[in-house]
């Protein structure tokens, strides 16, 4: 049985629907992304890897809840540094995870991590969640496994973003090293398409559903690329593939000229 997952990330929905992010209407952009995902068909799960809200406002999560409720695909979301899980839990009924959680689908095990560190833009996995992740990885035995999280656990080559990666990444990698069956780590946060690796484990970052940050830049800089999402296909033979999908410019939505 093939499992097809759509990863979306960094929607940055504002409380005020008229507020723009670098000129981008983030509500229109995620609506266009979700419409494109639904048009593909045969998607088993949407995983939202954090910063779904820009300001953590109740109304921003109500908007997301309405959007996802109109979709016939289950949604699992992990928090990013901009999110406020407590507010989200009051405003939304899609599954917003606030601790380390595992889910088994077919032959595969998927891990969903909370890397939000309150009051900081960088990420951290607390000791309780690290212990839970370790137990979940070991208990999976020979199952192939994929990890979803917001903050990348390594440098991606943009200095200002590397200052905001997962702070305790060495602890994370020590736990991941317990198994040779971790097939990939999928992240958000950096608004870029990157494919990196550590110790043979692929680390993939996915573009935002709104604006994109310029790759290999030392400072904050926007790149005029369309919103995107990632399709991940996990096969019964324990292999997986993934590919990036960007929206085509259209009358419905295109990124603004900067």
C-alpha atoms as a PDB file:
ATOM      1  CA  UNK A   1       0.000   0.000   0.000  1.00  0.00           C
ATOM      2  CA  UNK A   2       1.412   3.366  -1.030  1.00  0.00           C
ATOM      3  CA  UNK A   3       0.978   6.278   1.392  1.00  0.00           C
ATOM      4  CA  UNK A   4       0.877   9.759  -0.134  1.00  0.00           C
ATOM      5  CA  UNK A   5       1.456  12.738   2.139  1.00  0.00           C
ATOM      6  CA  UNK A   6       1.291  16.427   1.288  1.00  0.00           C
ATOM      7  CA  UNK A   7       3.598  18.527   3.469  1.00  0.00           C
ATOM      8  CA  UNK A   8       2.650  22.182   3.835  1.00  0.00           C
ATOM      9  CA  UNK A   9       4.463  24.668   6.010  1.00  0.00           C
ATOM     10  CA  UNK A  10       4.824  28.279   7.142  1.00  0.00           C
ATOM     11  CA  UNK A  11       1.437  29.641   6.093  1.00  0.00           C
ATOM     12  CA  UNK A  12       1.816  32.705   8.388  1.00  0.00           C
ATOM     13  CA  UNK A  13      -1.886  33.520   8.654  1.00  0.00           C
ATOM     14  CA  UNK A  14      -2.535  36.831  10.412  1.00  0.00           C
ATOM     15  CA  UNK A  15      -5.305  37.648  12.872  1.00  0.00           C
ATOM     16  CA  UNK A  16      -6.224  40.597  10.650  1.00  0.00           C
ATOM     17  CA  UNK A  17      -7.216  39.284   7.204  1.00  0.00           C
ATOM     18  CA  UNK A  18      -6.036  42.530   5.568  1.00  0.00           C
ATOM     19  CA  UNK A  19      -2.441  42.269   6.815  1.00  0.00           C
ATOM     20  CA  UNK A  20       0.123  41.175   4.231  1.00  0.00           C
ATOM     21  CA  UNK A  21       3.490  39.423   4.626  1.00  0.00           C
ATOM     22  CA  UNK A  22       5.943  41.232   2.353  1.00  0.00           C
ATOM     23  CA  UNK A  23       2.964  42.106   0.163  1.00  0.00           C
ATOM     24  CA  UNK A  24       1.621  38.541   0.082  1.00  0.00           C
ATOM     25  CA  UNK A  25      -1.978  37.695   0.971  1.00  0.00           C
ATOM     26  CA  UNK A  26      -1.164  34.581   3.008  1.00  0.00           C
ATOM     27  CA  UNK A  27      -4.805  33.513   3.200  1.00  0.00           C
ATOM     28  CA  UNK A  28      -5.164  33.525  -0.574  1.00  0.00           C
ATOM     29  CA  UNK A  29      -1.893  31.655  -0.985  1.00  0.00           C
ATOM     30  CA  UNK A  30      -2.756  28.772   1.333  1.00  0.00           C
ATOM     31  CA  UNK A  31      -6.222  28.542  -0.209  1.00  0.00           C
ATOM     32  CA  UNK A  32      -4.561  28.159  -3.611  1.00  0.00           C
ATOM     33  CA  UNK A  33      -2.114  25.566  -2.270  1.00  0.00           C
ATOM     34  CA  UNK A  34      -4.861  23.508  -0.650  1.00  0.00           C
ATOM     35  CA  UNK A  35      -6.941  23.625  -3.838  1.00  0.00           C
ATOM     36  CA  UNK A  36      -3.955  22.320  -5.780  1.00  0.00           C
ATOM     37  CA  UNK A  37      -3.416  19.491  -3.282  1.00  0.00           C
ATOM     38  CA  UNK A  38      -7.060  18.459  -3.488  1.00  0.00           C
ATOM     39  CA  UNK A  39      -6.916  18.487  -7.280  1.00  0.00           C
ATOM     40  CA  UNK A  40      -4.119  15.886  -7.220  1.00  0.00           C
ATOM     41  CA  UNK A  41      -6.313  13.184  -5.678  1.00  0.00           C
ATOM     42  CA  UNK A  42      -5.194  10.166  -3.643  1.00  0.00           C
ATOM     43  CA  UNK A  43      -3.607  12.177  -0.835  1.00  0.00           C
ATOM     44  CA  UNK A  44      -3.882  10.248   2.447  1.00  0.00           C
ATOM     45  CA  UNK A  45      -2.662  12.904   4.871  1.00  0.00           C
ATOM     46  CA  UNK A  46      -1.663  16.572   5.035  1.00  0.00           C
ATOM     47  CA  UNK A  47       1.172  17.335   7.459  1.00  0.00           C
ATOM     48  CA  UNK A  48       1.563  21.011   8.403  1.00  0.00           C
ATOM     49  CA  UNK A  49       5.052  21.573   9.780  1.00  0.00           C
ATOM     50  CA  UNK A  50       4.563  24.742  11.773  1.00  0.00           C
ATOM     51  CA  UNK A  51       4.099  28.517  11.679  1.00  0.00           C
ATOM     52  CA  UNK A  52       0.594  28.097  10.381  1.00  0.00           C
ATOM     53  CA  UNK A  53      -0.222  31.359  12.176  1.00  0.00           C
ATOM     54  CA  UNK A  54       1.973  34.456  12.027  1.00  0.00           C
ATOM     55  CA  UNK A  55       0.820  36.019  15.282  1.00  0.00           C
ATOM     56  CA  UNK A  56      -0.815  33.111  17.129  1.00  0.00           C
ATOM     57  CA  UNK A  57      -4.188  34.870  16.993  1.00  0.00           C
ATOM     58  CA  UNK A  58      -7.454  33.050  17.669  1.00  0.00           C
ATOM     59  CA  UNK A  59      -8.988  34.287  14.406  1.00  0.00           C
ATOM     60  CA  UNK A  60      -6.027  33.012  12.377  1.00  0.00           C
ATOM     61  CA  UNK A  61      -6.607  29.485  13.678  1.00  0.00           C
ATOM     62  CA  UNK A  62     -10.352  29.781  13.120  1.00  0.00           C
ATOM     63  CA  UNK A  63      -9.606  30.589   9.483  1.00  0.00           C
ATOM     64  CA  UNK A  64      -7.343  27.547   9.198  1.00  0.00           C
ATOM     65  CA  UNK A  65      -9.932  25.382  10.919  1.00  0.00           C
ATOM     66  CA  UNK A  66     -12.578  26.476   8.420  1.00  0.00           C
ATOM     67  CA  UNK A  67     -10.209  25.846   5.526  1.00  0.00           C
ATOM     68  CA  UNK A  68      -9.201  22.355   6.660  1.00  0.00           C
ATOM     69  CA  UNK A  69     -12.765  21.429   7.635  1.00  0.00           C
ATOM     70  CA  UNK A  70     -13.760  21.891   4.014  1.00  0.00           C
ATOM     71  CA  UNK A  71     -11.058  19.457   2.939  1.00  0.00           C
ATOM     72  CA  UNK A  72     -11.661  15.694   2.836  1.00  0.00           C
ATOM     73  CA  UNK A  73      -8.031  14.930   3.787  1.00  0.00           C
ATOM     74  CA  UNK A  74      -6.947  14.450   7.438  1.00  0.00           C
ATOM     75  CA  UNK A  75      -4.568  17.121   8.759  1.00  0.00           C
ATOM     76  CA  UNK A  76      -1.833  16.775  11.394  1.00  0.00           C
ATOM     77  CA  UNK A  77       0.005  19.943  12.439  1.00  0.00           C
ATOM     78  CA  UNK A  78       3.116  20.481  14.565  1.00  0.00           C
ATOM     79  CA  UNK A  79       3.892  23.910  16.065  1.00  0.00           C
ATOM     80  CA  UNK A  80       6.468  26.388  14.852  1.00  0.00           C
ATOM     81  CA  UNK A  81       7.998  29.325  16.669  1.00  0.00           C
ATOM     82  CA  UNK A  82       5.166  31.691  15.627  1.00  0.00           C
ATOM     83  CA  UNK A  83       2.401  29.325  16.724  1.00  0.00           C
ATOM     84  CA  UNK A  84       0.531  29.367  20.016  1.00  0.00           C
ATOM     85  CA  UNK A  85      -0.664  25.788  20.586  1.00  0.00           C
ATOM     86  CA  UNK A  86      -2.925  26.743  23.482  1.00  0.00           C
ATOM     87  CA  UNK A  87      -4.810  29.228  21.326  1.00  0.00           C
ATOM     88  CA  UNK A  88      -4.909  26.766  18.433  1.00  0.00           C
ATOM     89  CA  UNK A  89      -6.457  24.066  20.619  1.00  0.00           C
ATOM     90  CA  UNK A  90      -9.314  26.420  21.547  1.00  0.00           C
ATOM     91  CA  UNK A  91      -9.902  27.668  18.020  1.00  0.00           C
ATOM     92  CA  UNK A  92      -9.403  24.599  15.856  1.00  0.00           C
ATOM     93  CA  UNK A  93     -10.405  20.950  15.767  1.00  0.00           C
ATOM     94  CA  UNK A  94      -7.749  19.766  13.326  1.00  0.00           C
ATOM     95  CA  UNK A  95      -5.069  17.756  15.131  1.00  0.00           C
ATOM     96  CA  UNK A  96      -2.498  20.266  16.400  1.00  0.00           C
ATOM     97  CA  UNK A  97       0.211  18.239  18.116  1.00  0.00           C
ATOM     98  CA  UNK A  98       2.057  19.688  21.105  1.00  0.00           C
ATOM     99  CA  UNK A  99       4.283  16.761  22.093  1.00  0.00           C
ATOM    100  CA  UNK A 100       6.164  13.943  20.415  1.00  0.00           C
ATOM    101  CA  UNK A 101       3.656  11.660  18.709  1.00  0.00           C
ATOM    102  CA  UNK A 102       4.020   8.561  16.552  1.00  0.00           C
ATOM    103  CA  UNK A 103       1.600   7.258  13.957  1.00  0.00           C
ATOM    104  CA  UNK A 104       1.847   3.975  12.067  1.00  0.00           C
ATOM    105  CA  UNK A 105       0.521   3.858   8.507  1.00  0.00           C
ATOM    106  CA  UNK A 106       0.901   0.541   6.735  1.00  0.00           C
ATOM    107  CA  UNK A 107       4.490  -0.637   7.126  1.00  0.00           C
ATOM    108  CA  UNK A 108       5.718   2.858   8.063  1.00  0.00           C
ATOM    109  CA  UNK A 109       6.109   4.781  11.305  1.00  0.00           C
ATOM    110  CA  UNK A 110       5.910   8.578  11.232  1.00  0.00           C
ATOM    111  CA  UNK A 111       7.135  10.800  14.064  1.00  0.00           C
ATOM    112  CA  UNK A 112       5.749  14.303  14.676  1.00  0.00           C
ATOM    113  CA  UNK A 113       7.874  16.559  16.901  1.00  0.00           C
ATOM    114  CA  UNK A 114       7.246  19.778  18.802  1.00  0.00           C
ATOM    115  CA  UNK A 115      10.333  22.003  18.405  1.00  0.00           C
ATOM    116  CA  UNK A 116       8.759  25.224  19.685  1.00  0.00           C
ATOM    117  CA  UNK A 117      10.786  26.962  22.412  1.00  0.00           C
ATOM    118  CA  UNK A 118       8.592  29.593  24.056  1.00  0.00           C
ATOM    119  CA  UNK A 119       9.833  33.119  23.553  1.00  0.00           C
ATOM    120  CA  UNK A 120      12.472  32.156  20.990  1.00  0.00           C
ATOM    121  CA  UNK A 121      12.746  31.866  17.223  1.00  0.00           C
ATOM    122  CA  UNK A 122      15.176  28.959  17.438  1.00  0.00           C
ATOM    123  CA  UNK A 123      13.901  25.491  18.224  1.00  0.00           C
ATOM    124  CA  UNK A 124      14.280  22.970  21.020  1.00  0.00           C
ATOM    125  CA  UNK A 125      12.950  19.497  21.775  1.00  0.00           C
ATOM    126  CA  UNK A 126      12.467  19.180  25.524  1.00  0.00           C
ATOM    127  CA  UNK A 127      13.873  16.262  27.487  1.00  0.00           C
ATOM    128  CA  UNK A 128      10.512  14.514  27.882  1.00  0.00           C
ATOM    129  CA  UNK A 129       9.877  14.603  24.139  1.00  0.00           C
ATOM    130  CA  UNK A 130      13.422  13.431  23.384  1.00  0.00           C
ATOM    131  CA  UNK A 131      12.875  10.433  25.654  1.00  0.00           C
ATOM    132  CA  UNK A 132       9.539   9.701  23.960  1.00  0.00           C
ATOM    133  CA  UNK A 133      11.142   9.963  20.517  1.00  0.00           C
ATOM    134  CA  UNK A 134      13.884   7.553  21.554  1.00  0.00           C
ATOM    135  CA  UNK A 135      11.319   5.032  22.815  1.00  0.00           C
ATOM    136  CA  UNK A 136       9.199   5.389  19.680  1.00  0.00           C
ATOM    137  CA  UNK A 137      12.180   4.884  17.370  1.00  0.00           C
ATOM    138  CA  UNK A 138      13.368   1.789  19.196  1.00  0.00           C
ATOM    139  CA  UNK A 139       9.882   0.266  19.495  1.00  0.00           C
ATOM    140  CA  UNK A 140       9.440   0.591  15.720  1.00  0.00           C
ATOM    141  CA  UNK A 141      11.951  -2.195  15.249  1.00  0.00           C
ATOM    142  CA  UNK A 142      12.568  -2.695  11.537  1.00  0.00           C
ATOM    143  CA  UNK A 143       9.781  -0.389  10.392  1.00  0.00           C
ATOM    144  CA  UNK A 144      10.965   2.361   8.034  1.00  0.00           C
ATOM    145  CA  UNK A 145      10.480   5.753   9.689  1.00  0.00           C
ATOM    146  CA  UNK A 146      10.089   9.406   8.732  1.00  0.00           C
ATOM    147  CA  UNK A 147      10.283  12.425  11.055  1.00  0.00           C
ATOM    148  CA  UNK A 148       8.335  15.680  10.670  1.00  0.00           C
ATOM    149  CA  UNK A 149       9.362  18.821  12.584  1.00  0.00           C
ATOM    150  CA  UNK A 150       9.482  22.591  12.157  1.00  0.00           C
ATOM    151  CA  UNK A 151      13.102  23.575  12.837  1.00  0.00           C
ATOM    152  CA  UNK A 152      15.880  21.960  10.778  1.00  0.00           C
ATOM    153  CA  UNK A 153      18.356  19.968  12.904  1.00  0.00           C
ATOM    154  CA  UNK A 154      21.375  21.251  10.935  1.00  0.00           C
ATOM    155  CA  UNK A 155      22.666  24.329   9.133  1.00  0.00           C
ATOM    156  CA  UNK A 156      21.126  25.020   5.748  1.00  0.00           C
ATOM    157  CA  UNK A 157      23.685  27.574   4.534  1.00  0.00           C
ATOM    158  CA  UNK A 158      21.803  30.818   5.238  1.00  0.00           C
ATOM    159  CA  UNK A 159      23.577  32.422   8.206  1.00  0.00           C
ATOM    160  CA  UNK A 160      20.610  34.310   9.647  1.00  0.00           C
ATOM    161  CA  UNK A 161      18.420  31.200   9.499  1.00  0.00           C
ATOM    162  CA  UNK A 162      21.133  28.920  10.858  1.00  0.00           C
ATOM    163  CA  UNK A 163      21.014  31.025  14.045  1.00  0.00           C
ATOM    164  CA  UNK A 164      17.402  29.841  14.413  1.00  0.00           C
ATOM    165  CA  UNK A 165      17.748  26.106  13.785  1.00  0.00           C
ATOM    166  CA  UNK A 166      17.118  23.350  16.344  1.00  0.00           C
ATOM    167  CA  UNK A 167      19.252  24.361  19.344  1.00  0.00           C
ATOM    168  CA  UNK A 168      19.773  20.882  20.787  1.00  0.00           C
ATOM    169  CA  UNK A 169      20.366  19.196  17.451  1.00  0.00           C
ATOM    170  CA  UNK A 170      23.186  17.047  18.857  1.00  0.00           C
ATOM    171  CA  UNK A 171      20.692  15.404  21.246  1.00  0.00           C
ATOM    172  CA  UNK A 172      18.330  14.813  18.330  1.00  0.00           C
ATOM    173  CA  UNK A 173      21.008  13.168  16.192  1.00  0.00           C
ATOM    174  CA  UNK A 174      22.191  10.980  19.053  1.00  0.00           C
ATOM    175  CA  UNK A 175      18.673   9.550  19.297  1.00  0.00           C
ATOM    176  CA  UNK A 176      18.250   9.201  15.531  1.00  0.00           C
ATOM    177  CA  UNK A 177      21.521   7.259  15.384  1.00  0.00           C
ATOM    178  CA  UNK A 178      19.878   4.436  17.362  1.00  0.00           C
ATOM    179  CA  UNK A 179      18.200   3.201  14.188  1.00  0.00           C
ATOM    180  CA  UNK A 180      19.305   2.626  10.625  1.00  0.00           C
ATOM    181  CA  UNK A 181      15.660   2.835   9.532  1.00  0.00           C
ATOM    182  CA  UNK A 182      15.183   6.617   9.671  1.00  0.00           C
ATOM    183  CA  UNK A 183      14.564   7.304   5.995  1.00  0.00           C
ATOM    184  CA  UNK A 184      14.123  11.067   6.119  1.00  0.00           C
ATOM    185  CA  UNK A 185      13.528  14.209   8.184  1.00  0.00           C
ATOM    186  CA  UNK A 186      11.114  16.780   6.727  1.00  0.00           C
ATOM    187  CA  UNK A 187      11.143  20.345   8.077  1.00  0.00           C
ATOM    188  CA  UNK A 188       9.794  23.833   7.468  1.00  0.00           C
ATOM    189  CA  UNK A 189      10.880  27.143   9.030  1.00  0.00           C
ATOM    190  CA  UNK A 190      13.354  28.278   6.369  1.00  0.00           C
ATOM    191  CA  UNK A 191      10.971  28.978   3.445  1.00  0.00           C
ATOM    192  CA  UNK A 192      13.380  27.192   1.100  1.00  0.00           C
ATOM    193  CA  UNK A 193      13.770  23.976  -0.848  1.00  0.00           C
ATOM    194  CA  UNK A 194      16.866  22.212   0.505  1.00  0.00           C
ATOM    195  CA  UNK A 195      18.003  18.595   0.386  1.00  0.00           C
ATOM    196  CA  UNK A 196      20.791  17.923   2.863  1.00  0.00           C
ATOM    197  CA  UNK A 197      21.905  14.941   4.920  1.00  0.00           C
ATOM    198  CA  UNK A 198      23.706  13.916   8.064  1.00  0.00           C
ATOM    199  CA  UNK A 199      25.095  10.451   8.694  1.00  0.00           C
ATOM    200  CA  UNK A 200      23.258   9.256   5.615  1.00  0.00           C
ATOM    201  CA  UNK A 201      19.860  10.534   6.787  1.00  0.00           C
ATOM    202  CA  UNK A 202      18.226  12.939   4.303  1.00  0.00           C
ATOM    203  CA  UNK A 203      17.022  16.265   5.741  1.00  0.00           C
ATOM    204  CA  UNK A 204      14.568  18.053   3.449  1.00  0.00           C
ATOM    205  CA  UNK A 205      13.183  21.541   3.952  1.00  0.00           C
ATOM    206  CA  UNK A 206      10.027  22.596   2.138  1.00  0.00           C
ATOM    207  CA  UNK A 207       9.103  26.045   0.786  1.00  0.00           C
ATOM    208  CA  UNK A 208       6.409  28.117   2.410  1.00  0.00           C
ATOM    209  CA  UNK A 209       2.817  28.310   1.236  1.00  0.00           C
ATOM    210  CA  UNK A 210       3.403  32.081   1.029  1.00  0.00           C
ATOM    211  CA  UNK A 211       6.722  33.920   0.520  1.00  0.00           C
ATOM    212  CA  UNK A 212      10.193  32.399   0.081  1.00  0.00           C
ATOM    213  CA  UNK A 213      13.566  33.319   1.607  1.00  0.00           C
ATOM    214  CA  UNK A 214      16.606  33.594  -0.629  1.00  0.00           C
ATOM    215  CA  UNK A 215      18.936  30.599  -0.332  1.00  0.00           C
ATOM    216  CA  UNK A 216      22.549  31.008   0.823  1.00  0.00           C
ATOM    217  CA  UNK A 217      21.938  34.571   1.990  1.00  0.00           C
ATOM    218  CA  UNK A 218      23.681  35.820   5.122  1.00  0.00           C
ATOM    219  CA  UNK A 219      20.834  38.229   5.877  1.00  0.00           C
ATOM    220  CA  UNK A 220      17.053  38.308   5.579  1.00  0.00           C
ATOM    221  CA  UNK A 221      16.209  38.461   1.895  1.00  0.00           C
ATOM    222  CA  UNK A 222      13.099  37.520  -0.091  1.00  0.00           C
ATOM    223  CA  UNK A 223      13.222  35.508  -3.305  1.00  0.00           C
ATOM    224  CA  UNK A 224      10.418  35.853  -5.832  1.00  0.00           C
ATOM    225  CA  UNK A 225       9.367  32.225  -6.108  1.00  0.00           C
ATOM    226  CA  UNK A 226       5.851  30.832  -6.069  1.00  0.00           C
ATOM    227  CA  UNK A 227       4.377  29.130  -2.978  1.00  0.00           C
ATOM    228  CA  UNK A 228       5.005  25.414  -2.757  1.00  0.00           C
ATOM    229  CA  UNK A 229       4.352  22.148  -0.971  1.00  0.00           C
ATOM    230  CA  UNK A 230       5.879  18.679  -1.035  1.00  0.00           C
ATOM    231  CA  UNK A 231       4.448  15.298  -1.957  1.00  0.00           C
ATOM    232  CA  UNK A 232       5.941  12.317  -0.114  1.00  0.00           C
ATOM    233  CA  UNK A 233       5.211   8.792  -1.287  1.00  0.00           C
ATOM    234  CA  UNK A 234       6.073   5.927   1.070  1.00  0.00           C
ATOM    235  CA  UNK A 235       6.031   2.488  -0.515  1.00  0.00           C
ATOM    236  CA  UNK A 236       5.440  -0.978   0.919  1.00  0.00           C
ATOM    237  CA  UNK A 237       8.929  -2.014  -0.165  1.00  0.00           C
ATOM    238  CA  UNK A 238      10.263   0.490   2.432  1.00  0.00           C
ATOM    239  CA  UNK A 239      11.458   3.008  -0.135  1.00  0.00           C
ATOM    240  CA  UNK A 240      10.107   6.520  -0.450  1.00  0.00           C
ATOM    241  CA  UNK A 241      10.239   9.376  -2.889  1.00  0.00           C
ATOM    242  CA  UNK A 242       9.322  13.028  -2.717  1.00  0.00           C
ATOM    243  CA  UNK A 243       8.937  15.941  -5.062  1.00  0.00           C
ATOM    244  CA  UNK A 244       8.276  19.634  -4.783  1.00  0.00           C
ATOM    245  CA  UNK A 245       5.204  21.260  -6.303  1.00  0.00           C
ATOM    246  CA  UNK A 246       5.045  25.014  -6.845  1.00  0.00           C
ATOM    247  CA  UNK A 247       1.923  26.892  -7.827  1.00  0.00           C
ATOM    248  CA  UNK A 248       1.806  28.206 -11.336  1.00  0.00           C
ATOM    249  CA  UNK A 249       1.187  31.978 -11.512  1.00  0.00           C
ATOM    250  CA  UNK A 250      -2.500  32.523 -12.271  1.00  0.00           C
ATOM    251  CA  UNK A 251      -5.326  34.997 -11.900  1.00  0.00           C
ATOM    252  CA  UNK A 252      -6.223  33.259  -8.614  1.00  0.00           C
ATOM    253  CA  UNK A 253      -2.840  33.807  -7.002  1.00  0.00           C
ATOM    254  CA  UNK A 254       0.729  34.849  -7.758  1.00  0.00           C
ATOM    255  CA  UNK A 255       3.440  36.238  -5.501  1.00  0.00           C
ATOM    256  CA  UNK A 256       3.721  40.037  -5.572  1.00  0.00           C
ATOM    257  CA  UNK A 257       6.575  41.858  -7.260  1.00  0.00           C
ATOM    258  CA  UNK A 258       9.053  42.889  -4.585  1.00  0.00           C
END
